[in-house]
């Protein structure tokens, strides 16, 4: 005698029924409206995020520009200090040379 696994057949039949009902539910007009609204919300969120990203990029560009300007000013100030120190050294050397020649 062959035993029919009624439990397994019942689970299979229930799965098929549940799957069929699920497909009907997922393809209904109400579900489509829900999907459409969810997609619209995601697109709005994407637009908001892209606006924020654009603002952050603009701020980063401003920061980079300001940082380059600060570094250029420092380089110019350092160069001016070197020139000033060199000029003072030349003046001091010249003054010492004059003092030595007068003696």
PDB file of N, CA and C in Angstrom:
ATOM      1  N   UNK A   1       0.813  -1.174   0.000  1.00  0.00           N
ATOM      2  CA  UNK A   1       0.000   0.000   0.000  1.00  0.00           C
ATOM      3  C   UNK A   1       0.874   1.262   0.000  1.00  0.00           C
ATOM      4  N   UNK A   2       0.411   2.170  -0.727  1.00  0.00           N
ATOM      5  CA  UNK A   2       1.154   3.407  -0.827  1.00  0.00           C
ATOM      6  C   UNK A   2       0.487   4.460   0.067  1.00  0.00           C
ATOM      7  N   UNK A   3       1.320   5.139   0.811  1.00  0.00           N
ATOM      8  CA  UNK A   3       0.805   6.196   1.698  1.00  0.00           C
ATOM      9  C   UNK A   3       0.916   7.536   0.986  1.00  0.00           C
ATOM     10  N   UNK A   4      -0.125   8.277   0.957  1.00  0.00           N
ATOM     11  CA  UNK A   4      -0.126   9.603   0.346  1.00  0.00           C
ATOM     12  C   UNK A   4       0.225  10.601   1.442  1.00  0.00           C
ATOM     13  N   UNK A   5       1.264  11.368   1.222  1.00  0.00           N
ATOM     14  CA  UNK A   5       1.664  12.356   2.241  1.00  0.00           C
ATOM     15  C   UNK A   5       0.731  13.568   2.205  1.00  0.00           C
ATOM     16  N   UNK A   6      -0.429  13.418   2.893  1.00  0.00           N
ATOM     17  CA  UNK A   6      -1.439  14.470   2.867  1.00  0.00           C
ATOM     18  C   UNK A   6      -0.915  15.787   3.456  1.00  0.00           C
ATOM     19  N   UNK A   7      -0.059  15.698   4.420  1.00  0.00           N
ATOM     20  CA  UNK A   7       0.481  16.918   5.034  1.00  0.00           C
ATOM     21  C   UNK A   7       1.279  17.730   4.027  1.00  0.00           C
ATOM     22  N   UNK A   8       2.133  17.018   3.276  1.00  0.00           N
ATOM     23  CA  UNK A   8       2.955  17.707   2.283  1.00  0.00           C
ATOM     24  C   UNK A   8       2.105  18.214   1.124  1.00  0.00           C
ATOM     25  N   UNK A   9       1.123  17.434   0.725  1.00  0.00           N
ATOM     26  CA  UNK A   9       0.231  17.888  -0.337  1.00  0.00           C
ATOM     27  C   UNK A   9      -0.584  19.101   0.107  1.00  0.00           C
ATOM     28  N   UNK A  10      -0.991  19.106   1.364  1.00  0.00           N
ATOM     29  CA  UNK A  10      -1.738  20.243   1.905  1.00  0.00           C
ATOM     30  C   UNK A  10      -0.886  21.499   1.933  1.00  0.00           C
ATOM     31  N   UNK A  11       0.370  21.357   2.345  1.00  0.00           N
ATOM     32  CA  UNK A  11       1.276  22.512   2.347  1.00  0.00           C
ATOM     33  C   UNK A  11       1.504  23.028   0.931  1.00  0.00           C
ATOM     34  N   UNK A  12       1.686  22.098  -0.010  1.00  0.00           N
ATOM     35  CA  UNK A  12       1.886  22.496  -1.407  1.00  0.00           C
ATOM     36  C   UNK A  12       0.663  23.245  -1.936  1.00  0.00           C
ATOM     37  N   UNK A  13      -0.507  22.703  -1.688  1.00  0.00           N
ATOM     38  CA  UNK A  13      -1.743  23.330  -2.161  1.00  0.00           C
ATOM     39  C   UNK A  13      -1.925  24.695  -1.502  1.00  0.00           C
ATOM     40  N   UNK A  14      -1.628  24.792  -0.224  1.00  0.00           N
ATOM     41  CA  UNK A  14      -1.733  26.081   0.471  1.00  0.00           C
ATOM     42  C   UNK A  14      -0.757  27.096  -0.101  1.00  0.00           C
ATOM     43  N   UNK A  15       0.455  26.658  -0.426  1.00  0.00           N
ATOM     44  CA  UNK A  15       1.443  27.552  -1.034  1.00  0.00           C
ATOM     45  C   UNK A  15       1.007  28.050  -2.385  1.00  0.00           C
ATOM     46  N   UNK A  16       0.448  27.132  -3.195  1.00  0.00           N
ATOM     47  CA  UNK A  16      -0.042  27.537  -4.514  1.00  0.00           C
ATOM     48  C   UNK A  16      -1.179  28.533  -4.364  1.00  0.00           C
ATOM     49  N   UNK A  17      -2.090  28.274  -3.447  1.00  0.00           N
ATOM     50  CA  UNK A  17      -3.221  29.173  -3.218  1.00  0.00           C
ATOM     51  C   UNK A  17      -2.736  30.535  -2.722  1.00  0.00           C
ATOM     52  N   UNK A  18      -1.822  30.508  -1.775  1.00  0.00           N
ATOM     53  CA  UNK A  18      -1.278  31.750  -1.226  1.00  0.00           C
ATOM     54  C   UNK A  18      -0.529  32.532  -2.306  1.00  0.00           C
ATOM     55  N   UNK A  19       0.255  31.824  -3.122  1.00  0.00           N
ATOM     56  CA  UNK A  19       0.987  32.474  -4.209  1.00  0.00           C
ATOM     57  C   UNK A  19       0.060  33.092  -5.224  1.00  0.00           C
ATOM     58  N   UNK A  20      -0.988  32.379  -5.594  1.00  0.00           N
ATOM     59  CA  UNK A  20      -1.960  32.899  -6.557  1.00  0.00           C
ATOM     60  C   UNK A  20      -2.668  34.121  -5.990  1.00  0.00           C
ATOM     61  N   UNK A  21      -3.076  34.041  -4.736  1.00  0.00           N
ATOM     62  CA  UNK A  21      -3.740  35.187  -4.102  1.00  0.00           C
ATOM     63  C   UNK A  21      -2.762  36.362  -3.996  1.00  0.00           C
ATOM     64  N   UNK A  22      -1.513  36.063  -3.685  1.00  0.00           N
ATOM     65  CA  UNK A  22      -0.502  37.123  -3.587  1.00  0.00           C
ATOM     66  C   UNK A  22      -0.302  37.835  -4.905  1.00  0.00           C
ATOM     67  N   UNK A  23      -0.263  37.070  -5.991  1.00  0.00           N
ATOM     68  CA  UNK A  23      -0.092  37.686  -7.309  1.00  0.00           C
ATOM     69  C   UNK A  23      -1.291  38.563  -7.636  1.00  0.00           C
ATOM     70  N   UNK A  24      -2.484  38.102  -7.307  1.00  0.00           N
ATOM     71  CA  UNK A  24      -3.689  38.902  -7.547  1.00  0.00           C
ATOM     72  C   UNK A  24      -3.627  40.204  -6.743  1.00  0.00           C
ATOM     73  N   UNK A  25      -3.225  40.086  -5.491  1.00  0.00           N
ATOM     74  CA  UNK A  25      -3.142  41.271  -4.626  1.00  0.00           C
ATOM     75  C   UNK A  25      -2.078  42.236  -5.138  1.00  0.00           C
ATOM     76  N   UNK A  26      -0.913  41.712  -5.495  1.00  0.00           N
ATOM     77  CA  UNK A  26       0.188  42.568  -5.944  1.00  0.00           C
ATOM     78  C   UNK A  26      -0.085  43.239  -7.283  1.00  0.00           C
ATOM     79  N   UNK A  27      -0.964  42.652  -8.093  1.00  0.00           N
ATOM     80  CA  UNK A  27      -1.262  43.253  -9.393  1.00  0.00           C
ATOM     81  C   UNK A  27      -2.578  44.018  -9.393  1.00  0.00           C
ATOM     82  N   UNK A  28      -3.155  44.270  -8.236  1.00  0.00           N
ATOM     83  CA  UNK A  28      -4.417  45.006  -8.165  1.00  0.00           C
ATOM     84  C   UNK A  28      -4.195  46.504  -8.368  1.00  0.00           C
ATOM     85  N   UNK A  29      -5.273  47.223  -8.647  1.00  0.00           N
ATOM     86  CA  UNK A  29      -5.209  48.664  -8.849  1.00  0.00           C
ATOM     87  C   UNK A  29      -4.727  49.384  -7.595  1.00  0.00           C
ATOM     88  N   UNK A  30      -5.194  48.954  -6.428  1.00  0.00           N
ATOM     89  CA  UNK A  30      -4.760  49.582  -5.178  1.00  0.00           C
ATOM     90  C   UNK A  30      -3.261  49.410  -4.978  1.00  0.00           C
ATOM     91  N   UNK A  31      -2.759  48.232  -5.297  1.00  0.00           N
ATOM     92  CA  UNK A  31      -1.325  47.990  -5.166  1.00  0.00           C
ATOM     93  C   UNK A  31      -0.547  48.874  -6.138  1.00  0.00           C
ATOM     94  N   UNK A  32      -1.055  49.015  -7.352  1.00  0.00           N
ATOM     95  CA  UNK A  32      -0.382  49.870  -8.331  1.00  0.00           C
ATOM     96  C   UNK A  32      -0.329  51.315  -7.853  1.00  0.00           C
ATOM     97  N   UNK A  33      -1.427  51.794  -7.250  1.00  0.00           N
ATOM     98  CA  UNK A  33      -1.444  53.151  -6.702  1.00  0.00           C
ATOM     99  C   UNK A  33      -0.397  53.290  -5.602  1.00  0.00           C
ATOM    100  N   UNK A  34      -0.312  52.271  -4.768  1.00  0.00           N
ATOM    101  CA  UNK A  34       0.671  52.287  -3.679  1.00  0.00           C
ATOM    102  C   UNK A  34       2.090  52.324  -4.243  1.00  0.00           C
ATOM    103  N   UNK A  35       2.352  51.491  -5.248  1.00  0.00           N
ATOM    104  CA  UNK A  35       3.683  51.477  -5.875  1.00  0.00           C
ATOM    105  C   UNK A  35       3.996  52.815  -6.515  1.00  0.00           C
ATOM    106  N   UNK A  36       3.000  53.402  -7.165  1.00  0.00           N
ATOM    107  CA  UNK A  36       3.192  54.693  -7.825  1.00  0.00           C
ATOM    108  C   UNK A  36       3.516  55.774  -6.802  1.00  0.00           C
ATOM    109  N   UNK A  37       2.765  55.809  -5.707  1.00  0.00           N
ATOM    110  CA  UNK A  37       3.018  56.810  -4.664  1.00  0.00           C
ATOM    111  C   UNK A  37       4.377  56.599  -4.018  1.00  0.00           C
ATOM    112  N   UNK A  38       4.743  55.348  -3.790  1.00  0.00           N
ATOM    113  CA  UNK A  38       6.053  55.063  -3.199  1.00  0.00           C
ATOM    114  C   UNK A  38       7.171  55.497  -4.142  1.00  0.00           C
ATOM    115  N   UNK A  39       7.008  55.225  -5.428  1.00  0.00           N
ATOM    116  CA  UNK A  39       8.015  55.628  -6.408  1.00  0.00           C
ATOM    117  C   UNK A  39       8.115  57.144  -6.487  1.00  0.00           C
ATOM    118  N   UNK A  40       6.977  57.835  -6.453  1.00  0.00           N
ATOM    119  CA  UNK A  40       6.985  59.301  -6.474  1.00  0.00           C
ATOM    120  C   UNK A  40       7.708  59.853  -5.245  1.00  0.00           C
ATOM    121  N   UNK A  41       7.486  59.245  -4.084  1.00  0.00           N
ATOM    122  CA  UNK A  41       8.162  59.688  -2.862  1.00  0.00           C
ATOM    123  C   UNK A  41       9.669  59.483  -2.973  1.00  0.00           C
ATOM    124  N   UNK A  42      10.064  58.374  -3.548  1.00  0.00           N
ATOM    125  CA  UNK A  42      11.499  58.108  -3.720  1.00  0.00           C
ATOM    126  C   UNK A  42      12.113  59.128  -4.676  1.00  0.00           C
ATOM    127  N   UNK A  43      11.415  59.466  -5.736  1.00  0.00           N
ATOM    128  CA  UNK A  43      11.925  60.463  -6.682  1.00  0.00           C
ATOM    129  C   UNK A  43      12.044  61.842  -6.031  1.00  0.00           C
ATOM    130  N   UNK A  44      11.056  62.197  -5.196  1.00  0.00           N
ATOM    131  CA  UNK A  44      11.142  63.479  -4.473  1.00  0.00           C
ATOM    132  C   UNK A  44      12.330  63.467  -3.528  1.00  0.00           C
ATOM    133  N   UNK A  45      12.533  62.368  -2.845  1.00  0.00           N
ATOM    134  CA  UNK A  45      13.671  62.259  -1.928  1.00  0.00           C
ATOM    135  C   UNK A  45      14.981  62.367  -2.701  1.00  0.00           C
ATOM    136  N   UNK A  46      15.031  61.745  -3.878  1.00  0.00           N
ATOM    137  CA  UNK A  46      16.232  61.813  -4.711  1.00  0.00           C
ATOM    138  C   UNK A  46      16.515  63.254  -5.099  1.00  0.00           C
ATOM    139  N   UNK A  47      15.484  63.995  -5.503  1.00  0.00           N
ATOM    140  CA  UNK A  47      15.655  65.396  -5.873  1.00  0.00           C
ATOM    141  C   UNK A  47      16.173  66.207  -4.692  1.00  0.00           C
ATOM    142  N   UNK A  48      15.631  65.955  -3.515  1.00  0.00           N
ATOM    143  CA  UNK A  48      16.072  66.663  -2.315  1.00  0.00           C
ATOM    144  C   UNK A  48      17.531  66.348  -2.004  1.00  0.00           C
ATOM    145  N   UNK A  49      17.883  65.098  -2.120  1.00  0.00           N
ATOM    146  CA  UNK A  49      19.272  64.695  -1.855  1.00  0.00           C
ATOM    147  C   UNK A  49      20.212  65.332  -2.871  1.00  0.00           C
ATOM    148  N   UNK A  50      19.803  65.370  -4.123  1.00  0.00           N
ATOM    149  CA  UNK A  50      20.661  65.964  -5.156  1.00  0.00           C
ATOM    150  C   UNK A  50      20.833  67.464  -4.934  1.00  0.00           C
ATOM    151  N   UNK A  51      19.803  68.145  -4.465  1.00  0.00           N
ATOM    152  CA  UNK A  51      19.936  69.572  -4.134  1.00  0.00           C
ATOM    153  C   UNK A  51      20.935  69.762  -3.003  1.00  0.00           C
ATOM    154  N   UNK A  52      20.848  68.895  -1.995  1.00  0.00           N
ATOM    155  CA  UNK A  52      21.782  68.973  -0.872  1.00  0.00           C
ATOM    156  C   UNK A  52      23.204  68.696  -1.338  1.00  0.00           C
ATOM    157  N   UNK A  53      23.373  67.701  -2.194  1.00  0.00           N
ATOM    158  CA  UNK A  53      24.698  67.373  -2.717  1.00  0.00           C
ATOM    159  C   UNK A  53      25.263  68.555  -3.499  1.00  0.00           C
ATOM    160  N   UNK A  54      24.431  69.199  -4.292  1.00  0.00           N
ATOM    161  CA  UNK A  54      24.876  70.363  -5.063  1.00  0.00           C
ATOM    162  C   UNK A  54      25.320  71.483  -4.124  1.00  0.00           C
ATOM    163  N   UNK A  55      24.560  71.725  -3.084  1.00  0.00           N
ATOM    164  CA  UNK A  55      24.920  72.761  -2.109  1.00  0.00           C
ATOM    165  C   UNK A  55      26.245  72.430  -1.427  1.00  0.00           C
ATOM    166  N   UNK A  56      26.415  71.172  -1.042  1.00  0.00           N
ATOM    167  CA  UNK A  56      27.663  70.765  -0.388  1.00  0.00           C
ATOM    168  C   UNK A  56      28.839  70.923  -1.341  1.00  0.00           C
ATOM    169  N   UNK A  57      28.654  70.549  -2.601  1.00  0.00           N
ATOM    170  CA  UNK A  57      29.736  70.709  -3.584  1.00  0.00           C
ATOM    171  C   UNK A  57      30.117  72.172  -3.749  1.00  0.00           C
ATOM    172  N   UNK A  58      29.104  73.051  -3.829  1.00  0.00           N
ATOM    173  CA  UNK A  58      29.389  74.479  -3.969  1.00  0.00           C
ATOM    174  C   UNK A  58      30.155  74.984  -2.752  1.00  0.00           C
ATOM    175  N   UNK A  59      29.746  74.551  -1.559  1.00  0.00           N
ATOM    176  CA  UNK A  59      30.451  74.963  -0.351  1.00  0.00           C
ATOM    177  C   UNK A  59      31.883  74.439  -0.349  1.00  0.00           C
ATOM    178  N   UNK A  60      32.067  73.216  -0.796  1.00  0.00           N
ATOM    179  CA  UNK A  60      33.419  72.648  -0.856  1.00  0.00           C
ATOM    180  C   UNK A  60      34.288  73.423  -1.836  1.00  0.00           C
ATOM    181  N   UNK A  61      33.717  73.822  -2.968  1.00  0.00           N
ATOM    182  CA  UNK A  61      34.464  74.628  -3.932  1.00  0.00           C
ATOM    183  C   UNK A  61      34.872  75.966  -3.321  1.00  0.00           C
ATOM    184  N   UNK A  62      33.950  76.591  -2.569  1.00  0.00           N
ATOM    185  CA  UNK A  62      34.265  77.857  -1.896  1.00  0.00           C
ATOM    186  C   UNK A  62      35.369  77.661  -0.862  1.00  0.00           C
ATOM    187  N   UNK A  63      35.280  76.587  -0.102  1.00  0.00           N
ATOM    188  CA  UNK A  63      36.296  76.313   0.925  1.00  0.00           C
ATOM    189  C   UNK A  63      37.647  76.086   0.270  1.00  0.00           C
ATOM    190  N   UNK A  64      37.675  75.319  -0.809  1.00  0.00           N
ATOM    191  CA  UNK A  64      38.934  75.053  -1.512  1.00  0.00           C
ATOM    192  C   UNK A  64      39.530  76.334  -2.058  1.00  0.00           C
ATOM    193  N   UNK A  65      38.694  77.176  -2.634  1.00  0.00           N
ATOM    194  CA  UNK A  65      39.164  78.457  -3.168  1.00  0.00           C
ATOM    195  C   UNK A  65      39.750  79.325  -2.058  1.00  0.00           C
ATOM    196  N   UNK A  66      39.045  79.417  -0.932  1.00  0.00           N
ATOM    197  CA  UNK A  66      39.537  80.212   0.197  1.00  0.00           C
ATOM    198  C   UNK A  66      40.839  79.642   0.748  1.00  0.00           C
ATOM    199  N   UNK A  67      40.940  78.320   0.827  1.00  0.00           N
ATOM    200  CA  UNK A  67      42.160  77.691   1.338  1.00  0.00           C
ATOM    201  C   UNK A  67      43.343  77.979   0.419  1.00  0.00           C
ATOM    202  N   UNK A  68      43.131  77.926  -0.889  1.00  0.00           N
ATOM    203  CA  UNK A  68      44.205  78.241  -1.834  1.00  0.00           C
ATOM    204  C   UNK A  68      44.642  79.691  -1.690  1.00  0.00           C
ATOM    205  N   UNK A  69      43.664  80.578  -1.475  1.00  0.00           N
ATOM    206  CA  UNK A  69      43.980  81.992  -1.301  1.00  0.00           C
ATOM    207  C   UNK A  69      44.804  82.216  -0.025  1.00  0.00           C
ATOM    208  N   UNK A  70      44.426  81.538   1.057  1.00  0.00           N
ATOM    209  CA  UNK A  70      45.171  81.650   2.310  1.00  0.00           C
ATOM    210  C   UNK A  70      46.601  81.157   2.129  1.00  0.00           C
ATOM    211  N   UNK A  71      46.764  80.021   1.445  1.00  0.00           N
ATOM    212  CA  UNK A  71      48.110  79.491   1.217  1.00  0.00           C
ATOM    213  C   UNK A  71      48.932  80.425   0.343  1.00  0.00           C
ATOM    214  N   UNK A  72      48.318  81.040  -0.661  1.00  0.00           N
ATOM    215  CA  UNK A  72      49.036  81.989  -1.510  1.00  0.00           C
ATOM    216  C   UNK A  72      49.479  83.204  -0.703  1.00  0.00           C
ATOM    217  N   UNK A  73      48.620  83.687   0.195  1.00  0.00           N
ATOM    218  CA  UNK A  73      48.986  84.816   1.052  1.00  0.00           C
ATOM    219  C   UNK A  73      50.143  84.444   1.974  1.00  0.00           C
ATOM    220  N   UNK A  74      50.126  83.220   2.512  1.00  0.00           N
ATOM    221  CA  UNK A  74      51.226  82.776   3.381  1.00  0.00           C
ATOM    222  C   UNK A  74      52.535  82.681   2.615  1.00  0.00           C
ATOM    223  N   UNK A  75      52.465  82.149   1.403  1.00  0.00           N
ATOM    224  CA  UNK A  75      53.680  82.042   0.593  1.00  0.00           C
ATOM    225  C   UNK A  75      54.226  83.435   0.299  1.00  0.00           C
ATOM    226  N   UNK A  76      53.341  84.366  -0.030  1.00  0.00           N
ATOM    227  CA  UNK A  76      53.776  85.738  -0.307  1.00  0.00           C
ATOM    228  C   UNK A  76      54.374  86.378   0.942  1.00  0.00           C
ATOM    229  N   UNK A  77      53.741  86.157   2.102  1.00  0.00           N
ATOM    230  CA  UNK A  77      54.267  86.720   3.352  1.00  0.00           C
ATOM    231  C   UNK A  77      55.618  86.100   3.691  1.00  0.00           C
ATOM    232  N   UNK A  78      55.776  84.790   3.487  1.00  0.00           N
ATOM    233  CA  UNK A  78      57.058  84.133   3.756  1.00  0.00           C
ATOM    234  C   UNK A  78      58.137  84.662   2.816  1.00  0.00           C
ATOM    235  N   UNK A  79      57.787  84.844   1.549  1.00  0.00           N
ATOM    236  CA  UNK A  79      58.750  85.377   0.580  1.00  0.00           C
ATOM    237  C   UNK A  79      59.145  86.792   0.960  1.00  0.00           C
ATOM    238  N   UNK A  80      58.181  87.585   1.412  1.00  0.00           N
ATOM    239  CA  UNK A  80      58.468  88.958   1.831  1.00  0.00           C
ATOM    240  C   UNK A  80      59.386  88.968   3.047  1.00  0.00           C
ATOM    241  N   UNK A  81      59.155  88.039   3.967  1.00  0.00           N
ATOM    242  CA  UNK A  81      60.002  87.950   5.157  1.00  0.00           C
ATOM    243  C   UNK A  81      61.429  87.554   4.782  1.00  0.00           C
ATOM    244  N   UNK A  82      61.572  86.640   3.846  1.00  0.00           N
ATOM    245  CA  UNK A  82      62.909  86.228   3.401  1.00  0.00           C
ATOM    246  C   UNK A  82      63.619  87.397   2.738  1.00  0.00           C
ATOM    247  N   UNK A  83      62.892  88.127   1.903  1.00  0.00           N
ATOM    248  CA  UNK A  83      63.487  89.282   1.231  1.00  0.00           C
ATOM    249  C   UNK A  83      63.874  90.341   2.254  1.00  0.00           C
ATOM    250  N   UNK A  84      63.015  90.565   3.241  1.00  0.00           N
ATOM    251  CA  UNK A  84      63.295  91.554   4.282  1.00  0.00           C
ATOM    252  C   UNK A  84      64.520  91.150   5.095  1.00  0.00           C
ATOM    253  N   UNK A  85      64.595  89.868   5.458  1.00  0.00           N
ATOM    254  CA  UNK A  85      65.753  89.382   6.215  1.00  0.00           C
ATOM    255  C   UNK A  85      67.030  89.514   5.391  1.00  0.00           C
ATOM    256  N   UNK A  86      66.952  89.196   4.116  1.00  0.00           N
ATOM    257  CA  UNK A  86      68.117  89.297   3.243  1.00  0.00           C
ATOM    258  C   UNK A  86      68.548  90.757   3.111  1.00  0.00           C
ATOM    259  N   UNK A  87      67.566  91.656   2.975  1.00  0.00           N
ATOM    260  CA  UNK A  87      67.895  93.077   2.854  1.00  0.00           C
ATOM    261  C   UNK A  87      68.551  93.580   4.135  1.00  0.00           C
ATOM    262  N   UNK A  88      68.047  93.187   5.299  1.00  0.00           N
ATOM    263  CA  UNK A  88      68.649  93.594   6.564  1.00  0.00           C
ATOM    264  C   UNK A  88      70.065  93.058   6.685  1.00  0.00           C
ATOM    265  N   UNK A  89      70.281  91.836   6.261  1.00  0.00           N
ATOM    266  CA  UNK A  89      71.603  91.236   6.324  1.00  0.00           C
ATOM    267  C   UNK A  89      72.572  91.974   5.413  1.00  0.00           C
ATOM    268  N   UNK A  90      72.117  92.347   4.232  1.00  0.00           N
ATOM    269  CA  UNK A  90      72.977  93.085   3.296  1.00  0.00           C
ATOM    270  C   UNK A  90      73.307  94.459   3.861  1.00  0.00           C
ATOM    271  N   UNK A  91      72.335  95.137   4.468  1.00  0.00           N
ATOM    272  CA  UNK A  91      72.555  96.456   5.060  1.00  0.00           C
ATOM    273  C   UNK A  91      73.540  96.345   6.214  1.00  0.00           C
ATOM    274  N   UNK A  92      73.371  95.327   7.070  1.00  0.00           N
ATOM    275  CA  UNK A  92      74.282  95.135   8.197  1.00  0.00           C
ATOM    276  C   UNK A  92      75.695  94.841   7.700  1.00  0.00           C
ATOM    277  N   UNK A  93      75.816  93.997   6.683  1.00  0.00           N
ATOM    278  CA  UNK A  93      77.132  93.674   6.121  1.00  0.00           C
ATOM    279  C   UNK A  93      77.773  94.917   5.518  1.00  0.00           C
ATOM    280  N   UNK A  94      76.967  95.715   4.843  1.00  0.00           N
ATOM    281  CA  UNK A  94      77.490  96.945   4.239  1.00  0.00           C
ATOM    282  C   UNK A  94      77.922  97.921   5.319  1.00  0.00           C
ATOM    283  N   UNK A  95      77.149  98.035   6.388  1.00  0.00           N
ATOM    284  CA  UNK A  95      77.496  98.948   7.482  1.00  0.00           C
ATOM    285  C   UNK A  95      78.793  98.485   8.142  1.00  0.00           C
ATOM    286  N   UNK A  96      78.973  97.193   8.342  1.00  0.00           N
ATOM    287  CA  UNK A  96      80.207  96.669   8.929  1.00  0.00           C
ATOM    288  C   UNK A  96      81.390  96.924   8.006  1.00  0.00           C
ATOM    289  N   UNK A  97      81.167  96.766   6.727  1.00  0.00           N
ATOM    290  CA  UNK A  97      82.252  97.003   5.771  1.00  0.00           C
ATOM    291  C   UNK A  97      82.654  98.483   5.789  1.00  0.00           C
ATOM    292  N   UNK A  98      81.684  99.363   5.900  1.00  0.00           N
ATOM    293  CA  UNK A  98      81.987 100.807   5.960  1.00  0.00           C
ATOM    294  C   UNK A  98      82.741 101.126   7.227  1.00  0.00           C
ATOM    295  N   UNK A  99      82.316 100.547   8.350  1.00  0.00           N
ATOM    296  CA  UNK A  99      82.996 100.780   9.618  1.00  0.00           C
ATOM    297  C   UNK A  99      84.436 100.305   9.560  1.00  0.00           C
ATOM    298  N   UNK A 100      84.662  99.162   8.968  1.00  0.00           N
ATOM    299  CA  UNK A 100      86.012  98.617   8.861  1.00  0.00           C
ATOM    300  C   UNK A 100      86.876  99.483   7.940  1.00  0.00           C
ATOM    301  N   UNK A 101      86.282 100.004   6.884  1.00  0.00           N
ATOM    302  CA  UNK A 101      87.071 100.814   5.949  1.00  0.00           C
ATOM    303  C   UNK A 101      87.391 102.176   6.541  1.00  0.00           C
ATOM    304  N   UNK A 102      86.577 102.683   7.432  1.00  0.00           N
ATOM    305  CA  UNK A 102      86.822 103.977   8.071  1.00  0.00           C
ATOM    306  C   UNK A 102      87.917 103.870   9.114  1.00  0.00           C
ATOM    307  N   UNK A 103      88.133 102.733   9.672  1.00  0.00           N
ATOM    308  CA  UNK A 103      89.131 102.565  10.724  1.00  0.00           C
ATOM    309  C   UNK A 103      90.456 102.408  10.142  1.00  0.00           C
TER     310      UNK A 103
END
